[in-house]
Amino acid sequence: MFKKALLPALLTLLLFQGCSKDKTEDANSLISVDENVLTALDGRKLKVTKQASNFILENTKGKVVIFDIFATWCPPCQAAATHLSSLQEKYKDDLIIIGVTIEDNVSNEKLLEFRKEYGADYTLVNSEQNLLLINKIVSDIGLGDRYPIPVMVIYKDGKYVNHFIGAIQEEFVESEIKQALGK
C-alpha cells in the first residue's frame, strides 16, 4: 500500500519541481548573442552580431548581405570576384558584399593586389576575427570543419537566405538576391 502511494506522490513532486519560481529565466537570456568586429581594408569597423541563427551586419536593415568566404590563391575565388563586383554595382543600394579571407596572416597589400588584379570592388576585411566569424557561419549552415571555397552565404536582415559552394554562375547568385529583395 505504501509503495502504491509513494510513486504518485514522487511523480507529483517532480512535476511541480520543474515549475519552481526559483529557476525562471528571461527568454532573451536563452538566445545566444555574440559579436565579431571586422576591419575593412579602408579601416572601417564592421560589426556582425550572431543572434541565434541570424548574422546581422550593423546598419543594413532592408539590405541583402553576402559573406564571400575566400582565399587570394584560390582560382574559383579569383573568378568569383569579378561577378561579385558586377552584382555589387548593379544592386549598390540594396546589396553589401563582404569578402572574408580564410588566410591567417595575409597582408592588406596582398588583399589590395587581389582587389586590383581580379576586380574585387566590394568590401574586403582583414582582421583577427575573420576566422571566428567564418567558423560560426560555416557551422551554422552545416558545412563542418573542412569545406571547399569559395563559400557565398546570403542573408537578408540577418536571416539566412541561401549559400553557394565553389564556382557558381552569376545568374544564380543574382536570382537569390532578387528573390530576397522581392524583385
N, C-alpha and C. Protein backbone atom coordinates (compact mmCIF):
# COMPACT_ATOMS: atom_id res chain seq x y z
N MET A 1 0.82 -1.19 0.00
CA MET A 1 0.00 0.00 0.00
C MET A 1 0.87 1.26 0.00
N PHE A 2 1.91 1.22 0.83
CA PHE A 2 2.82 2.37 0.92
C PHE A 2 3.52 2.62 -0.43
N LYS A 3 3.94 1.52 -1.10
CA LYS A 3 4.62 1.65 -2.39
C LYS A 3 3.70 2.24 -3.45
N LYS A 4 2.41 1.87 -3.42
CA LYS A 4 1.45 2.39 -4.40
C LYS A 4 1.23 3.89 -4.23
N ALA A 5 1.25 4.38 -3.01
CA ALA A 5 1.04 5.80 -2.75
C ALA A 5 2.32 6.60 -2.98
N LEU A 6 3.47 5.98 -2.80
CA LEU A 6 4.75 6.67 -2.94
C LEU A 6 5.03 7.09 -4.39
N LEU A 7 4.74 6.24 -5.34
CA LEU A 7 5.02 6.54 -6.75
C LEU A 7 4.25 7.77 -7.24
N PRO A 8 2.92 7.86 -7.05
CA PRO A 8 2.22 9.07 -7.50
C PRO A 8 2.69 10.33 -6.76
N ALA A 9 3.01 10.21 -5.49
CA ALA A 9 3.48 11.37 -4.73
C ALA A 9 4.83 11.84 -5.27
N LEU A 10 5.70 10.91 -5.58
CA LEU A 10 7.02 11.24 -6.12
C LEU A 10 6.91 11.89 -7.50
N LEU A 11 6.05 11.36 -8.34
CA LEU A 11 5.85 11.94 -9.67
C LEU A 11 5.27 13.35 -9.58
N THR A 12 4.34 13.57 -8.67
CA THR A 12 3.75 14.89 -8.48
C THR A 12 4.81 15.88 -8.00
N LEU A 13 5.65 15.45 -7.08
CA LEU A 13 6.73 16.29 -6.57
C LEU A 13 7.69 16.69 -7.69
N LEU A 14 8.07 15.74 -8.54
CA LEU A 14 8.96 16.03 -9.66
C LEU A 14 8.32 16.98 -10.67
N LEU A 15 7.03 16.80 -10.91
CA LEU A 15 6.31 17.65 -11.84
C LEU A 15 6.34 19.10 -11.38
N PHE A 16 6.03 19.33 -10.10
CA PHE A 16 6.00 20.70 -9.59
C PHE A 16 7.39 21.29 -9.37
N GLN A 17 8.39 20.45 -9.23
CA GLN A 17 9.76 20.95 -9.08
C GLN A 17 10.18 21.72 -10.33
N GLY A 18 9.76 21.26 -11.50
CA GLY A 18 10.09 21.94 -12.75
C GLY A 18 9.39 23.27 -12.89
N CYS A 19 8.34 23.51 -12.11
CA CYS A 19 7.59 24.76 -12.16
C CYS A 19 8.04 25.76 -11.11
N SER A 20 9.09 25.48 -10.41
CA SER A 20 9.59 26.33 -9.34
C SER A 20 9.93 27.72 -9.85
N LYS A 21 9.57 28.77 -9.12
CA LYS A 21 9.86 30.14 -9.50
C LYS A 21 11.33 30.48 -9.36
N ASP A 22 12.07 29.69 -8.61
CA ASP A 22 13.49 29.95 -8.40
C ASP A 22 14.29 29.79 -9.69
N LYS A 23 13.75 29.12 -10.66
CA LYS A 23 14.50 28.82 -11.88
C LYS A 23 13.99 29.58 -13.09
N THR A 24 13.28 30.66 -12.88
CA THR A 24 12.76 31.41 -14.03
C THR A 24 13.89 32.14 -14.72
N GLU A 25 13.82 32.15 -16.04
CA GLU A 25 14.81 32.85 -16.84
C GLU A 25 14.09 33.66 -17.89
N ASP A 26 14.62 34.81 -18.18
CA ASP A 26 14.09 35.63 -19.24
C ASP A 26 14.35 34.93 -20.57
N ALA A 27 13.36 34.90 -21.45
CA ALA A 27 13.51 34.20 -22.73
C ALA A 27 14.68 34.75 -23.54
N ASN A 28 14.92 36.05 -23.44
CA ASN A 28 16.03 36.64 -24.19
C ASN A 28 17.39 36.14 -23.73
N SER A 29 17.49 35.75 -22.47
CA SER A 29 18.79 35.27 -21.98
C SER A 29 19.11 33.89 -22.52
N LEU A 30 18.12 33.22 -23.07
CA LEU A 30 18.34 31.90 -23.64
C LEU A 30 18.87 31.96 -25.07
N ILE A 31 18.75 33.13 -25.71
CA ILE A 31 19.21 33.29 -27.08
C ILE A 31 20.69 33.67 -27.06
N SER A 32 21.47 32.91 -27.79
CA SER A 32 22.91 33.17 -27.85
C SER A 32 23.18 34.40 -28.72
N VAL A 33 23.89 35.36 -28.15
CA VAL A 33 24.26 36.57 -28.89
C VAL A 33 25.76 36.78 -28.76
N ASP A 34 26.43 36.96 -29.87
CA ASP A 34 27.83 37.35 -29.80
C ASP A 34 28.18 38.20 -31.01
N GLU A 35 29.29 38.92 -30.89
CA GLU A 35 29.67 39.88 -31.92
C GLU A 35 31.09 39.63 -32.43
N ASN A 36 31.28 39.96 -33.68
CA ASN A 36 32.61 40.00 -34.28
C ASN A 36 32.77 41.36 -34.92
N VAL A 37 33.92 41.96 -34.71
CA VAL A 37 34.21 43.25 -35.34
C VAL A 37 35.30 43.00 -36.37
N LEU A 38 34.93 43.24 -37.63
CA LEU A 38 35.85 43.03 -38.74
C LEU A 38 36.42 44.37 -39.19
N THR A 39 37.63 44.35 -39.69
CA THR A 39 38.27 45.58 -40.15
C THR A 39 38.40 45.54 -41.66
N ALA A 40 37.76 46.51 -42.31
CA ALA A 40 37.85 46.62 -43.77
C ALA A 40 39.21 47.19 -44.14
N LEU A 41 39.60 47.00 -45.39
CA LEU A 41 40.89 47.49 -45.85
C LEU A 41 41.03 49.01 -45.73
N ASP A 42 39.90 49.72 -45.77
CA ASP A 42 39.94 51.18 -45.62
C ASP A 42 39.91 51.61 -44.16
N GLY A 43 39.95 50.64 -43.24
CA GLY A 43 39.98 50.95 -41.81
C GLY A 43 38.63 50.95 -41.12
N ARG A 44 37.54 50.90 -41.88
CA ARG A 44 36.21 50.87 -41.26
C ARG A 44 36.05 49.62 -40.41
N LYS A 45 35.29 49.76 -39.32
CA LYS A 45 34.97 48.63 -38.46
C LYS A 45 33.55 48.18 -38.79
N LEU A 46 33.39 46.89 -39.03
CA LEU A 46 32.08 46.32 -39.36
C LEU A 46 31.70 45.35 -38.26
N LYS A 47 30.58 45.63 -37.60
CA LYS A 47 30.14 44.78 -36.50
C LYS A 47 29.11 43.77 -37.01
N VAL A 48 29.41 42.50 -36.82
CA VAL A 48 28.49 41.42 -37.19
C VAL A 48 28.04 40.75 -35.90
N THR A 49 26.74 40.74 -35.68
CA THR A 49 26.17 40.14 -34.48
C THR A 49 25.50 38.83 -34.86
N LYS A 50 25.86 37.77 -34.15
CA LYS A 50 25.19 36.48 -34.32
C LYS A 50 24.16 36.38 -33.22
N GLN A 51 22.92 36.29 -33.62
CA GLN A 51 21.82 36.17 -32.67
C GLN A 51 21.00 34.95 -33.08
N ALA A 52 21.10 33.89 -32.26
CA ALA A 52 20.53 32.59 -32.62
C ALA A 52 21.17 32.16 -33.94
N SER A 53 20.39 31.97 -35.01
CA SER A 53 20.99 31.55 -36.28
C SER A 53 21.09 32.72 -37.28
N ASN A 54 20.91 33.94 -36.80
CA ASN A 54 20.99 35.12 -37.66
C ASN A 54 22.38 35.76 -37.57
N PHE A 55 22.85 36.28 -38.69
CA PHE A 55 24.10 37.03 -38.74
C PHE A 55 23.75 38.43 -39.24
N ILE A 56 23.79 39.40 -38.34
CA ILE A 56 23.31 40.74 -38.64
C ILE A 56 24.50 41.69 -38.76
N LEU A 57 24.67 42.25 -39.94
CA LEU A 57 25.68 43.28 -40.16
C LEU A 57 25.05 44.61 -39.78
N GLU A 58 25.71 45.33 -38.91
CA GLU A 58 25.19 46.59 -38.38
C GLU A 58 24.81 47.56 -39.49
N ASN A 59 23.67 48.23 -39.30
CA ASN A 59 23.17 49.28 -40.21
C ASN A 59 22.88 48.79 -41.62
N THR A 60 22.30 47.61 -41.74
CA THR A 60 21.98 47.08 -43.07
C THR A 60 20.52 46.66 -43.19
N LYS A 61 19.64 47.27 -42.41
CA LYS A 61 18.23 46.90 -42.45
C LYS A 61 17.69 47.06 -43.87
N GLY A 62 17.01 46.02 -44.33
CA GLY A 62 16.41 46.04 -45.66
C GLY A 62 17.36 45.65 -46.78
N LYS A 63 18.61 45.38 -46.45
CA LYS A 63 19.60 45.05 -47.47
C LYS A 63 19.95 43.57 -47.45
N VAL A 64 20.42 43.11 -48.59
CA VAL A 64 20.96 41.76 -48.70
C VAL A 64 22.45 41.85 -48.42
N VAL A 65 22.94 40.93 -47.60
CA VAL A 65 24.37 40.87 -47.28
C VAL A 65 24.90 39.52 -47.74
N ILE A 66 25.99 39.55 -48.48
CA ILE A 66 26.66 38.31 -48.89
C ILE A 66 28.03 38.28 -48.22
N PHE A 67 28.27 37.22 -47.46
CA PHE A 67 29.61 36.97 -46.93
C PHE A 67 30.28 36.03 -47.92
N ASP A 68 31.32 36.53 -48.58
CA ASP A 68 32.10 35.74 -49.53
C ASP A 68 33.34 35.23 -48.80
N ILE A 69 33.35 33.94 -48.50
CA ILE A 69 34.47 33.32 -47.80
C ILE A 69 35.43 32.82 -48.87
N PHE A 70 36.66 33.38 -48.88
CA PHE A 70 37.56 33.15 -50.00
C PHE A 70 39.02 33.13 -49.55
N ALA A 71 39.90 32.87 -50.52
CA ALA A 71 41.35 33.00 -50.33
C ALA A 71 41.93 33.64 -51.59
N THR A 72 42.98 34.39 -51.43
CA THR A 72 43.58 35.09 -52.57
C THR A 72 44.20 34.14 -53.58
N TRP A 73 44.63 32.95 -53.15
CA TRP A 73 45.30 31.98 -54.02
C TRP A 73 44.33 31.02 -54.72
N CYS A 74 43.05 31.12 -54.43
CA CYS A 74 42.04 30.17 -54.91
C CYS A 74 41.49 30.60 -56.28
N PRO A 75 41.73 29.82 -57.37
CA PRO A 75 41.23 30.21 -58.70
C PRO A 75 39.71 30.45 -58.77
N PRO A 76 38.86 29.58 -58.20
CA PRO A 76 37.42 29.89 -58.25
C PRO A 76 37.07 31.18 -57.49
N CYS A 77 37.81 31.47 -56.42
CA CYS A 77 37.59 32.71 -55.67
C CYS A 77 37.97 33.92 -56.52
N GLN A 78 39.05 33.78 -57.26
CA GLN A 78 39.51 34.86 -58.14
C GLN A 78 38.47 35.13 -59.22
N ALA A 79 37.92 34.06 -59.79
CA ALA A 79 36.90 34.20 -60.83
C ALA A 79 35.62 34.82 -60.27
N ALA A 80 35.27 34.45 -59.05
CA ALA A 80 34.03 34.95 -58.44
C ALA A 80 34.11 36.45 -58.15
N ALA A 81 35.30 36.97 -57.92
CA ALA A 81 35.46 38.38 -57.55
C ALA A 81 34.85 39.31 -58.59
N THR A 82 35.09 39.03 -59.86
CA THR A 82 34.54 39.87 -60.94
C THR A 82 33.02 39.84 -60.93
N HIS A 83 32.45 38.66 -60.76
CA HIS A 83 30.99 38.52 -60.74
C HIS A 83 30.38 39.23 -59.54
N LEU A 84 31.02 39.09 -58.39
CA LEU A 84 30.50 39.76 -57.19
C LEU A 84 30.57 41.27 -57.35
N SER A 85 31.62 41.77 -57.97
CA SER A 85 31.73 43.22 -58.21
C SER A 85 30.62 43.71 -59.12
N SER A 86 30.33 42.92 -60.14
CA SER A 86 29.25 43.27 -61.07
C SER A 86 27.91 43.36 -60.32
N LEU A 87 27.66 42.39 -59.45
CA LEU A 87 26.42 42.39 -58.67
C LEU A 87 26.39 43.55 -57.67
N GLN A 88 27.53 43.84 -57.06
CA GLN A 88 27.61 44.96 -56.11
C GLN A 88 27.26 46.27 -56.81
N GLU A 89 27.78 46.45 -58.02
CA GLU A 89 27.49 47.67 -58.78
C GLU A 89 26.02 47.72 -59.19
N LYS A 90 25.49 46.61 -59.65
CA LYS A 90 24.11 46.56 -60.13
C LYS A 90 23.09 46.80 -59.01
N TYR A 91 23.37 46.30 -57.82
CA TYR A 91 22.44 46.40 -56.69
C TYR A 91 23.04 47.25 -55.56
N LYS A 92 23.79 48.29 -55.91
CA LYS A 92 24.57 49.04 -54.92
C LYS A 92 23.75 49.60 -53.77
N ASP A 93 22.48 49.90 -53.99
CA ASP A 93 21.66 50.46 -52.91
C ASP A 93 21.05 49.38 -52.02
N ASP A 94 21.04 48.14 -52.49
CA ASP A 94 20.35 47.07 -51.77
C ASP A 94 21.24 45.90 -51.36
N LEU A 95 22.50 45.95 -51.73
CA LEU A 95 23.39 44.80 -51.54
C LEU A 95 24.72 45.23 -50.92
N ILE A 96 25.17 44.44 -49.97
CA ILE A 96 26.50 44.65 -49.39
C ILE A 96 27.24 43.32 -49.45
N ILE A 97 28.38 43.34 -50.10
CA ILE A 97 29.21 42.13 -50.20
C ILE A 97 30.43 42.34 -49.33
N ILE A 98 30.68 41.36 -48.47
CA ILE A 98 31.84 41.39 -47.58
C ILE A 98 32.71 40.19 -47.92
N GLY A 99 33.89 40.44 -48.44
CA GLY A 99 34.86 39.38 -48.71
C GLY A 99 35.65 39.10 -47.45
N VAL A 100 35.52 37.87 -46.93
CA VAL A 100 36.18 37.48 -45.69
C VAL A 100 37.19 36.39 -46.01
N THR A 101 38.47 36.72 -45.92
CA THR A 101 39.50 35.76 -46.28
C THR A 101 39.73 34.73 -45.18
N ILE A 102 40.01 33.50 -45.61
CA ILE A 102 40.33 32.44 -44.65
C ILE A 102 41.81 32.45 -44.29
N GLU A 103 42.57 33.28 -44.98
CA GLU A 103 44.02 33.31 -44.78
C GLU A 103 44.36 34.00 -43.46
N ASP A 104 45.17 33.32 -42.67
CA ASP A 104 45.52 33.80 -41.34
C ASP A 104 46.41 35.04 -41.33
N ASN A 105 47.48 35.00 -42.05
CA ASN A 105 48.46 36.09 -41.99
C ASN A 105 48.62 36.80 -43.33
N VAL A 106 47.54 37.06 -43.99
CA VAL A 106 47.62 37.76 -45.27
C VAL A 106 47.73 39.26 -44.99
N SER A 107 48.55 39.94 -45.76
CA SER A 107 48.73 41.38 -45.56
C SER A 107 47.64 42.15 -46.30
N ASN A 108 47.40 43.37 -45.86
CA ASN A 108 46.46 44.23 -46.56
C ASN A 108 46.94 44.48 -47.99
N GLU A 109 48.25 44.56 -48.18
CA GLU A 109 48.81 44.78 -49.51
C GLU A 109 48.43 43.63 -50.45
N LYS A 110 48.49 42.41 -49.94
CA LYS A 110 48.13 41.23 -50.74
C LYS A 110 46.64 41.30 -51.13
N LEU A 111 45.80 41.72 -50.20
CA LEU A 111 44.37 41.86 -50.50
C LEU A 111 44.11 42.99 -51.49
N LEU A 112 44.86 44.06 -51.38
CA LEU A 112 44.73 45.15 -52.35
C LEU A 112 45.17 44.71 -53.74
N GLU A 113 46.21 43.88 -53.82
CA GLU A 113 46.63 43.30 -55.11
C GLU A 113 45.53 42.41 -55.67
N PHE A 114 44.92 41.59 -54.81
CA PHE A 114 43.81 40.73 -55.22
C PHE A 114 42.68 41.59 -55.78
N ARG A 115 42.32 42.65 -55.05
CA ARG A 115 41.25 43.54 -55.49
C ARG A 115 41.55 44.10 -56.88
N LYS A 116 42.77 44.58 -57.06
CA LYS A 116 43.16 45.20 -58.33
C LYS A 116 43.20 44.18 -59.47
N GLU A 117 43.83 43.04 -59.23
CA GLU A 117 44.00 42.04 -60.28
C GLU A 117 42.69 41.37 -60.70
N TYR A 118 41.80 41.12 -59.74
CA TYR A 118 40.57 40.37 -60.05
C TYR A 118 39.31 41.23 -59.97
N GLY A 119 39.46 42.53 -59.80
CA GLY A 119 38.32 43.43 -59.81
C GLY A 119 37.38 43.27 -58.63
N ALA A 120 37.90 42.99 -57.47
CA ALA A 120 37.06 42.78 -56.28
C ALA A 120 36.67 44.14 -55.69
N ASP A 121 35.74 44.81 -56.36
CA ASP A 121 35.32 46.15 -55.94
C ASP A 121 34.15 46.08 -54.97
N TYR A 122 34.40 45.48 -53.84
CA TYR A 122 33.45 45.40 -52.73
C TYR A 122 34.30 45.35 -51.46
N THR A 123 33.67 45.35 -50.33
CA THR A 123 34.39 45.41 -49.06
C THR A 123 35.16 44.12 -48.80
N LEU A 124 36.46 44.26 -48.58
CA LEU A 124 37.30 43.14 -48.17
C LEU A 124 37.73 43.40 -46.73
N VAL A 125 37.66 42.37 -45.90
CA VAL A 125 38.04 42.54 -44.49
C VAL A 125 39.24 41.68 -44.17
N ASN A 126 40.06 42.20 -43.28
CA ASN A 126 41.27 41.51 -42.87
C ASN A 126 41.47 41.78 -41.39
N SER A 127 41.03 40.85 -40.57
CA SER A 127 41.17 41.05 -39.13
C SER A 127 41.34 39.70 -38.44
N GLU A 128 41.74 39.77 -37.19
CA GLU A 128 41.89 38.55 -36.40
C GLU A 128 40.57 37.83 -36.21
N GLN A 129 39.48 38.53 -36.39
CA GLN A 129 38.15 37.95 -36.17
C GLN A 129 37.59 37.27 -37.41
N ASN A 130 38.29 37.35 -38.54
CA ASN A 130 37.80 36.71 -39.77
C ASN A 130 37.46 35.24 -39.53
N LEU A 131 38.43 34.48 -39.05
CA LEU A 131 38.23 33.03 -38.89
C LEU A 131 37.17 32.71 -37.86
N LEU A 132 37.05 33.52 -36.82
CA LEU A 132 36.00 33.30 -35.82
C LEU A 132 34.62 33.41 -36.48
N LEU A 133 34.43 34.46 -37.27
CA LEU A 133 33.15 34.64 -37.96
C LEU A 133 32.92 33.54 -38.99
N ILE A 134 33.95 33.24 -39.77
CA ILE A 134 33.82 32.18 -40.79
C ILE A 134 33.40 30.87 -40.14
N ASN A 135 34.04 30.51 -39.05
CA ASN A 135 33.71 29.24 -38.38
C ASN A 135 32.27 29.21 -37.90
N LYS A 136 31.76 30.33 -37.41
CA LYS A 136 30.37 30.40 -36.97
C LYS A 136 29.42 30.24 -38.16
N ILE A 137 29.73 30.94 -39.24
CA ILE A 137 28.85 30.88 -40.42
C ILE A 137 28.82 29.47 -41.01
N VAL A 138 29.99 28.88 -41.27
CA VAL A 138 30.00 27.56 -41.91
C VAL A 138 29.41 26.50 -40.99
N SER A 139 29.59 26.65 -39.70
CA SER A 139 28.97 25.72 -38.76
C SER A 139 27.45 25.86 -38.80
N ASP A 140 26.99 27.09 -38.85
CA ASP A 140 25.55 27.35 -38.86
C ASP A 140 24.86 26.78 -40.10
N ILE A 141 25.55 26.78 -41.24
CA ILE A 141 24.94 26.24 -42.46
C ILE A 141 25.27 24.77 -42.66
N GLY A 142 25.97 24.18 -41.69
CA GLY A 142 26.19 22.73 -41.68
C GLY A 142 27.36 22.23 -42.50
N LEU A 143 28.37 23.06 -42.74
CA LEU A 143 29.50 22.62 -43.56
C LEU A 143 30.58 21.90 -42.77
N GLY A 144 30.64 22.10 -41.47
CA GLY A 144 31.66 21.42 -40.68
C GLY A 144 33.00 22.12 -40.72
N ASP A 145 34.05 21.40 -40.31
CA ASP A 145 35.39 21.99 -40.18
C ASP A 145 36.12 22.13 -41.51
N ARG A 146 35.84 21.25 -42.45
CA ARG A 146 36.53 21.28 -43.75
C ARG A 146 35.49 21.51 -44.84
N TYR A 147 35.77 22.50 -45.66
CA TYR A 147 34.81 22.87 -46.70
C TYR A 147 35.58 23.48 -47.87
N PRO A 148 35.04 23.34 -49.07
CA PRO A 148 35.68 23.96 -50.24
C PRO A 148 35.39 25.46 -50.25
N ILE A 149 36.21 26.19 -50.96
CA ILE A 149 35.96 27.62 -51.13
C ILE A 149 35.89 27.93 -52.62
N PRO A 150 35.26 28.99 -53.01
CA PRO A 150 34.59 29.97 -52.17
C PRO A 150 33.26 29.46 -51.62
N VAL A 151 32.85 30.08 -50.53
CA VAL A 151 31.52 29.86 -49.96
C VAL A 151 30.86 31.24 -49.91
N MET A 152 29.72 31.36 -50.55
CA MET A 152 28.97 32.62 -50.51
C MET A 152 27.70 32.36 -49.72
N VAL A 153 27.52 33.11 -48.65
CA VAL A 153 26.35 32.93 -47.80
C VAL A 153 25.55 34.23 -47.84
N ILE A 154 24.27 34.09 -48.18
CA ILE A 154 23.40 35.24 -48.40
C ILE A 154 22.42 35.38 -47.24
N TYR A 155 22.32 36.62 -46.73
CA TYR A 155 21.40 36.95 -45.64
C TYR A 155 20.59 38.17 -46.04
N LYS A 156 19.37 38.24 -45.53
CA LYS A 156 18.53 39.44 -45.68
C LYS A 156 18.05 39.80 -44.29
N ASP A 157 18.36 41.00 -43.86
CA ASP A 157 18.05 41.45 -42.50
C ASP A 157 18.57 40.46 -41.46
N GLY A 158 19.71 39.87 -41.74
CA GLY A 158 20.33 38.93 -40.80
C GLY A 158 19.85 37.50 -40.92
N LYS A 159 18.77 37.28 -41.65
CA LYS A 159 18.21 35.93 -41.79
C LYS A 159 18.81 35.22 -43.00
N TYR A 160 19.13 33.96 -42.79
CA TYR A 160 19.72 33.14 -43.85
C TYR A 160 18.78 33.02 -45.04
N VAL A 161 19.33 33.21 -46.24
CA VAL A 161 18.58 33.06 -47.48
C VAL A 161 19.04 31.80 -48.21
N ASN A 162 20.34 31.72 -48.51
CA ASN A 162 20.89 30.57 -49.24
C ASN A 162 22.41 30.67 -49.20
N HIS A 163 23.06 29.61 -49.66
CA HIS A 163 24.51 29.66 -49.80
C HIS A 163 24.93 28.88 -51.04
N PHE A 164 26.10 29.23 -51.54
CA PHE A 164 26.69 28.56 -52.69
C PHE A 164 28.10 28.16 -52.34
N ILE A 165 28.50 26.99 -52.83
CA ILE A 165 29.85 26.48 -52.58
C ILE A 165 30.54 26.29 -53.92
N GLY A 166 31.78 26.77 -54.02
CA GLY A 166 32.55 26.59 -55.24
C GLY A 166 32.17 27.59 -56.31
N ALA A 167 32.64 27.32 -57.52
CA ALA A 167 32.37 28.20 -58.65
C ALA A 167 30.87 28.17 -58.96
N ILE A 168 30.29 29.34 -59.14
CA ILE A 168 28.85 29.44 -59.38
C ILE A 168 28.61 30.55 -60.40
N GLN A 169 27.61 30.35 -61.24
CA GLN A 169 27.29 31.36 -62.24
C GLN A 169 26.66 32.57 -61.58
N GLU A 170 27.00 33.73 -62.08
CA GLU A 170 26.50 34.99 -61.54
C GLU A 170 24.97 35.03 -61.52
N GLU A 171 24.35 34.43 -62.52
CA GLU A 171 22.89 34.45 -62.62
C GLU A 171 22.21 33.77 -61.43
N PHE A 172 22.82 32.71 -60.91
CA PHE A 172 22.24 32.01 -59.76
C PHE A 172 22.27 32.90 -58.52
N VAL A 173 23.39 33.56 -58.32
CA VAL A 173 23.52 34.46 -57.16
C VAL A 173 22.55 35.63 -57.32
N GLU A 174 22.48 36.17 -58.53
CA GLU A 174 21.57 37.30 -58.78
C GLU A 174 20.12 36.90 -58.55
N SER A 175 19.75 35.71 -58.94
CA SER A 175 18.39 35.23 -58.72
C SER A 175 18.04 35.23 -57.23
N GLU A 176 18.98 34.79 -56.40
CA GLU A 176 18.75 34.78 -54.95
C GLU A 176 18.65 36.20 -54.39
N ILE A 177 19.46 37.10 -54.93
CA ILE A 177 19.41 38.50 -54.49
C ILE A 177 18.04 39.09 -54.83
N LYS A 178 17.60 38.89 -56.07
CA LYS A 178 16.29 39.41 -56.50
C LYS A 178 15.17 38.86 -55.63
N GLN A 179 15.21 37.56 -55.40
CA GLN A 179 14.17 36.93 -54.59
C GLN A 179 14.17 37.50 -53.17
N ALA A 180 15.33 37.67 -52.58
CA ALA A 180 15.42 38.21 -51.22
C ALA A 180 14.92 39.65 -51.16
N LEU A 181 15.15 40.40 -52.23
CA LEU A 181 14.70 41.79 -52.28
C LEU A 181 13.24 41.92 -52.72
N GLY A 182 12.64 40.82 -53.15
CA GLY A 182 11.26 40.86 -53.61
C GLY A 182 11.11 41.49 -54.97
N LYS A 183 12.13 41.35 -55.82
CA LYS A 183 12.09 41.95 -57.17
C LYS A 183 11.86 40.90 -58.22
